[in-house]
């Protein structure tokens, strides 16, 4: 069964750090790009970051550039999102998703909650 499972969300103070994991099963990570998205209450889902399959090219939304780092470990079939200098506006449910052959994101995880608050 094809699955993406996020973990690592937590309550953290402003300025703190978290590392999210996206553990993949049912398919090999290697050929696929993976994206991280987030959705805050009352807001639309937004793309946060993605990493390509071929050369590991990365993309970051302007709102997280310089604070978040995406990486992939093909041997562990896992993608990570290191989040530093967290701000209250980073509070959201974070999702990872696979970008399929049609370049659409076709499989999604269930999400992990990140709350940044003092």
Protein backbone atom coordinates (compact mmCIF):
# COMPACT_ATOMS: atom_id res chain seq x y z
CA UNK A 1 0.00 0.00 0.00
CA UNK A 2 1.39 3.35 -1.03
CA UNK A 3 1.78 5.67 1.98
CA UNK A 4 3.42 8.88 3.07
CA UNK A 5 3.49 9.39 6.85
CA UNK A 6 4.54 12.67 8.39
CA UNK A 7 5.92 12.97 11.90
CA UNK A 8 7.83 15.41 14.06
CA UNK A 9 5.20 18.09 14.57
CA UNK A 10 5.02 19.60 18.02
CA UNK A 11 4.43 22.72 20.10
CA UNK A 12 7.53 24.91 20.04
CA UNK A 13 8.38 28.42 21.19
CA UNK A 14 9.13 31.19 18.69
CA UNK A 15 12.72 30.93 17.56
CA UNK A 16 12.77 27.20 18.11
CA UNK A 17 13.42 24.35 15.68
CA UNK A 18 11.70 21.19 14.54
CA UNK A 19 12.53 18.50 12.03
CA UNK A 20 9.64 16.94 10.17
CA UNK A 21 9.95 13.53 8.55
CA UNK A 22 8.00 12.08 5.65
CA UNK A 23 8.38 8.30 5.70
CA UNK A 24 7.45 6.65 2.44
CA UNK A 25 6.28 3.10 1.87
CA UNK A 26 4.84 1.23 -1.07
CA UNK A 27 7.08 2.89 -3.63
CA UNK A 28 10.72 3.88 -3.99
CA UNK A 29 11.46 7.51 -3.26
CA UNK A 30 14.30 7.77 -5.76
CA UNK A 31 12.40 8.58 -8.96
CA UNK A 32 10.04 11.10 -7.43
CA UNK A 33 10.04 14.71 -6.36
CA UNK A 34 8.49 15.34 -2.97
CA UNK A 35 6.87 18.50 -1.73
CA UNK A 36 5.98 19.90 1.68
CA UNK A 37 2.81 21.92 2.06
CA UNK A 38 1.05 23.53 5.00
CA UNK A 39 -2.42 24.70 5.85
CA UNK A 40 -3.25 27.05 8.69
CA UNK A 41 -6.79 27.38 10.09
CA UNK A 42 -8.94 29.47 7.79
CA UNK A 43 -6.25 29.68 5.12
CA UNK A 44 -5.60 27.95 1.85
CA UNK A 45 -2.97 25.27 1.57
CA UNK A 46 0.38 26.65 0.47
CA UNK A 47 3.51 25.08 -0.91
CA UNK A 48 6.46 25.33 1.44
CA UNK A 49 9.28 23.44 -0.21
CA UNK A 50 10.05 20.68 -2.66
CA UNK A 51 13.02 18.60 -3.70
CA UNK A 52 13.59 17.07 -7.11
CA UNK A 53 14.31 13.46 -7.81
CA UNK A 54 17.23 13.82 -10.16
CA UNK A 55 19.77 16.31 -8.87
CA UNK A 56 18.17 17.26 -5.56
CA UNK A 57 17.23 20.73 -6.71
CA UNK A 58 15.25 22.47 -4.00
CA UNK A 59 12.57 25.12 -3.94
CA UNK A 60 11.41 27.23 -1.01
CA UNK A 61 8.55 29.63 -0.55
CA UNK A 62 9.77 33.14 0.17
CA UNK A 63 8.20 32.98 3.63
CA UNK A 64 10.52 30.14 4.72
CA UNK A 65 13.64 30.77 2.64
CA UNK A 66 16.74 30.83 4.80
CA UNK A 67 14.96 29.16 7.73
CA UNK A 68 13.77 25.81 6.35
CA UNK A 69 15.86 23.11 4.68
CA UNK A 70 14.48 20.16 2.76
CA UNK A 71 16.51 17.00 2.26
CA UNK A 72 16.03 13.43 1.16
CA UNK A 73 17.54 10.09 2.12
CA UNK A 74 16.74 7.67 -0.67
CA UNK A 75 18.22 4.76 1.28
CA UNK A 76 15.76 5.38 4.10
CA UNK A 77 12.93 6.33 1.73
CA UNK A 78 12.42 9.47 3.80
CA UNK A 79 12.25 13.20 3.17
CA UNK A 80 12.95 15.73 5.90
CA UNK A 81 12.07 19.35 6.53
CA UNK A 82 14.36 21.08 9.00
CA UNK A 83 12.64 24.16 10.34
CA UNK A 84 14.65 26.77 12.24
CA UNK A 85 13.83 30.20 13.63
CA UNK A 86 10.18 29.27 13.78
CA UNK A 87 7.58 32.02 13.91
CA UNK A 88 3.96 31.97 15.09
CA UNK A 89 2.90 32.35 11.46
CA UNK A 90 4.49 28.95 10.73
CA UNK A 91 1.71 27.34 12.77
CA UNK A 92 -0.13 24.92 10.50
CA UNK A 93 -0.69 21.31 9.60
CA UNK A 94 2.21 20.22 7.44
CA UNK A 95 1.78 17.66 4.67
CA UNK A 96 4.17 15.88 2.35
CA UNK A 97 3.13 14.74 -1.09
CA UNK A 98 4.55 12.86 -4.05
CA UNK A 99 4.77 14.55 -7.43
CA UNK A 100 3.67 11.95 -9.93
CA UNK A 101 4.44 11.43 -13.58
CA UNK A 102 1.93 14.06 -14.67
CA UNK A 103 3.72 16.57 -12.38
CA UNK A 104 0.64 16.68 -10.20
CA UNK A 105 0.91 15.82 -6.52
CA UNK A 106 -0.90 12.50 -6.50
CA UNK A 107 -0.36 11.00 -3.03
CA UNK A 108 -0.53 12.85 0.26
CA UNK A 109 0.20 12.11 3.88
CA UNK A 110 -2.23 12.71 6.71
CA UNK A 111 -0.37 15.72 8.09
CA UNK A 112 1.44 16.66 11.28
CA UNK A 113 0.59 19.66 13.47
CA UNK A 114 3.19 22.35 14.08
CA UNK A 115 2.30 25.00 16.64
CA UNK A 116 4.62 27.91 17.34
CA UNK A 117 3.58 29.75 20.45
CA UNK A 118 4.97 31.10 23.68
